[in-house]
Amino acid sequence: MHFLDSIKRWVGALAELGISIIALGVVLQVLFGDGMGAVPFLPVDVLGSVIGFVDALGSQGLVGLVALGILWWAYNKRAA
């Protein structure tokens, strides 16, 4: 069981790192603009991806709302 706990902590740390990188990308794109080459080490449109994700959830109506609720629940459960 100790092995599974260590894998669980490792995956949690990777997920937290990913969330931090996404947040940093959004902040940098807001500060420097989203034009091509505005943030040289950010080759993807992070802000556009986040907006597209939210738009896709919103276009699904109730199903998107339920999916968002499940993601929110999972995030809060992990943080507690």
C-alpha atoms as a PDB file:
ATOM      1  CA  MET A   1       0.000   0.000   0.000  1.00  0.00           C
ATOM      2  CA  HIS A   2       2.938   2.310   0.595  1.00  0.00           C
ATOM      3  CA  PHE A   3       3.783   2.058  -3.123  1.00  0.00           C
ATOM      4  CA  LEU A   4       0.265   3.135  -4.130  1.00  0.00           C
ATOM      5  CA  ASP A   5       0.355   6.059  -1.712  1.00  0.00           C
ATOM      6  CA  SER A   6       3.630   7.254  -3.183  1.00  0.00           C
ATOM      7  CA  ILE A   7       2.237   7.002  -6.735  1.00  0.00           C
ATOM      8  CA  LYS A   8      -0.886   8.883  -5.614  1.00  0.00           C
ATOM      9  CA  ARG A   9       1.244  11.696  -4.130  1.00  0.00           C
ATOM     10  CA  TRP A  10       3.403  11.795  -7.274  1.00  0.00           C
ATOM     11  CA  VAL A  11       0.393  12.058  -9.595  1.00  0.00           C
ATOM     12  CA  GLY A  12      -1.145  14.725  -7.338  1.00  0.00           C
ATOM     13  CA  ALA A  13       2.066  16.745  -7.459  1.00  0.00           C
ATOM     14  CA  LEU A  14       2.155  16.485 -11.267  1.00  0.00           C
ATOM     15  CA  ALA A  15      -1.475  17.618 -11.492  1.00  0.00           C
ATOM     16  CA  GLU A  16      -0.741  20.586  -9.242  1.00  0.00           C
ATOM     17  CA  LEU A  17       2.280  21.473 -11.363  1.00  0.00           C
ATOM     18  CA  GLY A  18       0.135  21.314 -14.499  1.00  0.00           C
ATOM     19  CA  ILE A  19      -2.489  23.604 -12.973  1.00  0.00           C
ATOM     20  CA  SER A  20       0.232  26.060 -11.948  1.00  0.00           C
ATOM     21  CA  ILE A  21       1.715  26.065 -15.458  1.00  0.00           C
ATOM     22  CA  ILE A  22      -1.713  26.683 -17.005  1.00  0.00           C
ATOM     23  CA  ALA A  23      -2.345  29.550 -14.572  1.00  0.00           C
ATOM     24  CA  LEU A  24       1.063  31.045 -15.380  1.00  0.00           C
ATOM     25  CA  GLY A  25       0.337  30.770 -19.103  1.00  0.00           C
ATOM     26  CA  VAL A  26      -3.006  32.548 -18.706  1.00  0.00           C
ATOM     27  CA  VAL A  27      -1.430  35.366 -16.681  1.00  0.00           C
ATOM     28  CA  LEU A  28       1.415  35.801 -19.183  1.00  0.00           C
ATOM     29  CA  GLN A  29      -0.986  35.917 -22.118  1.00  0.00           C
ATOM     30  CA  VAL A  30      -3.143  38.492 -20.354  1.00  0.00           C
ATOM     31  CA  LEU A  31      -0.101  40.636 -19.541  1.00  0.00           C
ATOM     32  CA  PHE A  32       1.789  40.384 -22.842  1.00  0.00           C
ATOM     33  CA  GLY A  33      -1.038  39.766 -25.286  1.00  0.00           C
ATOM     34  CA  ASP A  34      -1.946  36.706 -27.283  1.00  0.00           C
ATOM     35  CA  GLY A  35      -0.255  37.630 -30.533  1.00  0.00           C
ATOM     36  CA  MET A  36       2.138  35.186 -32.147  1.00  0.00           C
ATOM     37  CA  GLY A  37       5.518  35.541 -30.471  1.00  0.00           C
ATOM     38  CA  ALA A  38       4.237  37.725 -27.612  1.00  0.00           C
ATOM     39  CA  VAL A  39       5.392  35.118 -25.084  1.00  0.00           C
ATOM     40  CA  PRO A  40       8.308  33.342 -26.785  1.00  0.00           C
ATOM     41  CA  PHE A  41       8.458  30.243 -24.544  1.00  0.00           C
ATOM     42  CA  LEU A  42       4.697  29.686 -24.757  1.00  0.00           C
ATOM     43  CA  PRO A  43       4.083  28.052 -28.153  1.00  0.00           C
ATOM     44  CA  VAL A  44       0.369  27.379 -27.560  1.00  0.00           C
ATOM     45  CA  ASP A  45      -2.596  29.649 -26.981  1.00  0.00           C
ATOM     46  CA  VAL A  46      -3.324  28.722 -23.337  1.00  0.00           C
ATOM     47  CA  LEU A  47      -6.004  31.351 -22.896  1.00  0.00           C
ATOM     48  CA  GLY A  48      -7.737  30.261 -26.102  1.00  0.00           C
ATOM     49  CA  SER A  49      -7.611  26.638 -24.959  1.00  0.00           C
ATOM     50  CA  VAL A  50      -9.178  27.494 -21.596  1.00  0.00           C
ATOM     51  CA  ILE A  51     -11.866  29.599 -23.288  1.00  0.00           C
ATOM     52  CA  GLY A  52     -12.525  26.767 -25.765  1.00  0.00           C
ATOM     53  CA  PHE A  53     -12.858  24.274 -22.896  1.00  0.00           C
ATOM     54  CA  VAL A  54     -15.339  26.489 -21.053  1.00  0.00           C
ATOM     55  CA  ASP A  55     -17.227  27.120 -24.297  1.00  0.00           C
ATOM     56  CA  ALA A  56     -17.429  23.391 -25.011  1.00  0.00           C
ATOM     57  CA  LEU A  57     -18.806  22.740 -21.530  1.00  0.00           C
ATOM     58  CA  GLY A  58     -21.282  25.597 -21.887  1.00  0.00           C
ATOM     59  CA  SER A  59     -22.553  24.398 -25.260  1.00  0.00           C
ATOM     60  CA  GLN A  60     -23.448  21.027 -23.754  1.00  0.00           C
ATOM     61  CA  GLY A  61     -26.035  22.549 -21.412  1.00  0.00           C
ATOM     62  CA  LEU A  62     -26.827  20.417 -18.383  1.00  0.00           C
ATOM     63  CA  VAL A  63     -24.264  17.755 -19.283  1.00  0.00           C
ATOM     64  CA  GLY A  64     -21.522  20.394 -19.336  1.00  0.00           C
ATOM     65  CA  LEU A  65     -22.703  21.768 -16.019  1.00  0.00           C
ATOM     66  CA  VAL A  66     -22.622  18.293 -14.462  1.00  0.00           C
ATOM     67  CA  ALA A  67     -19.130  17.682 -15.900  1.00  0.00           C
ATOM     68  CA  LEU A  68     -17.941  21.001 -14.489  1.00  0.00           C
ATOM     69  CA  GLY A  69     -19.436  20.089 -11.107  1.00  0.00           C
ATOM     70  CA  ILE A  70     -17.599  16.749 -11.118  1.00  0.00           C
ATOM     71  CA  LEU A  71     -14.301  18.450 -12.014  1.00  0.00           C
ATOM     72  CA  TRP A  72     -14.834  21.034  -9.273  1.00  0.00           C
ATOM     73  CA  TRP A  73     -15.658  18.289  -6.735  1.00  0.00           C
ATOM     74  CA  ALA A  74     -12.557  16.303  -7.700  1.00  0.00           C
ATOM     75  CA  TYR A  75     -10.353  19.384  -7.420  1.00  0.00           C
ATOM     76  CA  ASN A  76     -11.729  20.343  -4.000  1.00  0.00           C
ATOM     77  CA  LYS A  77     -11.434  16.756  -2.757  1.00  0.00           C
ATOM     78  CA  ARG A  78      -7.791  16.660  -3.849  1.00  0.00           C
ATOM     79  CA  ALA A  79      -7.031  20.016  -2.199  1.00  0.00           C
ATOM     80  CA  ALA A  80      -8.546  18.997   1.144  1.00  0.00           C
END
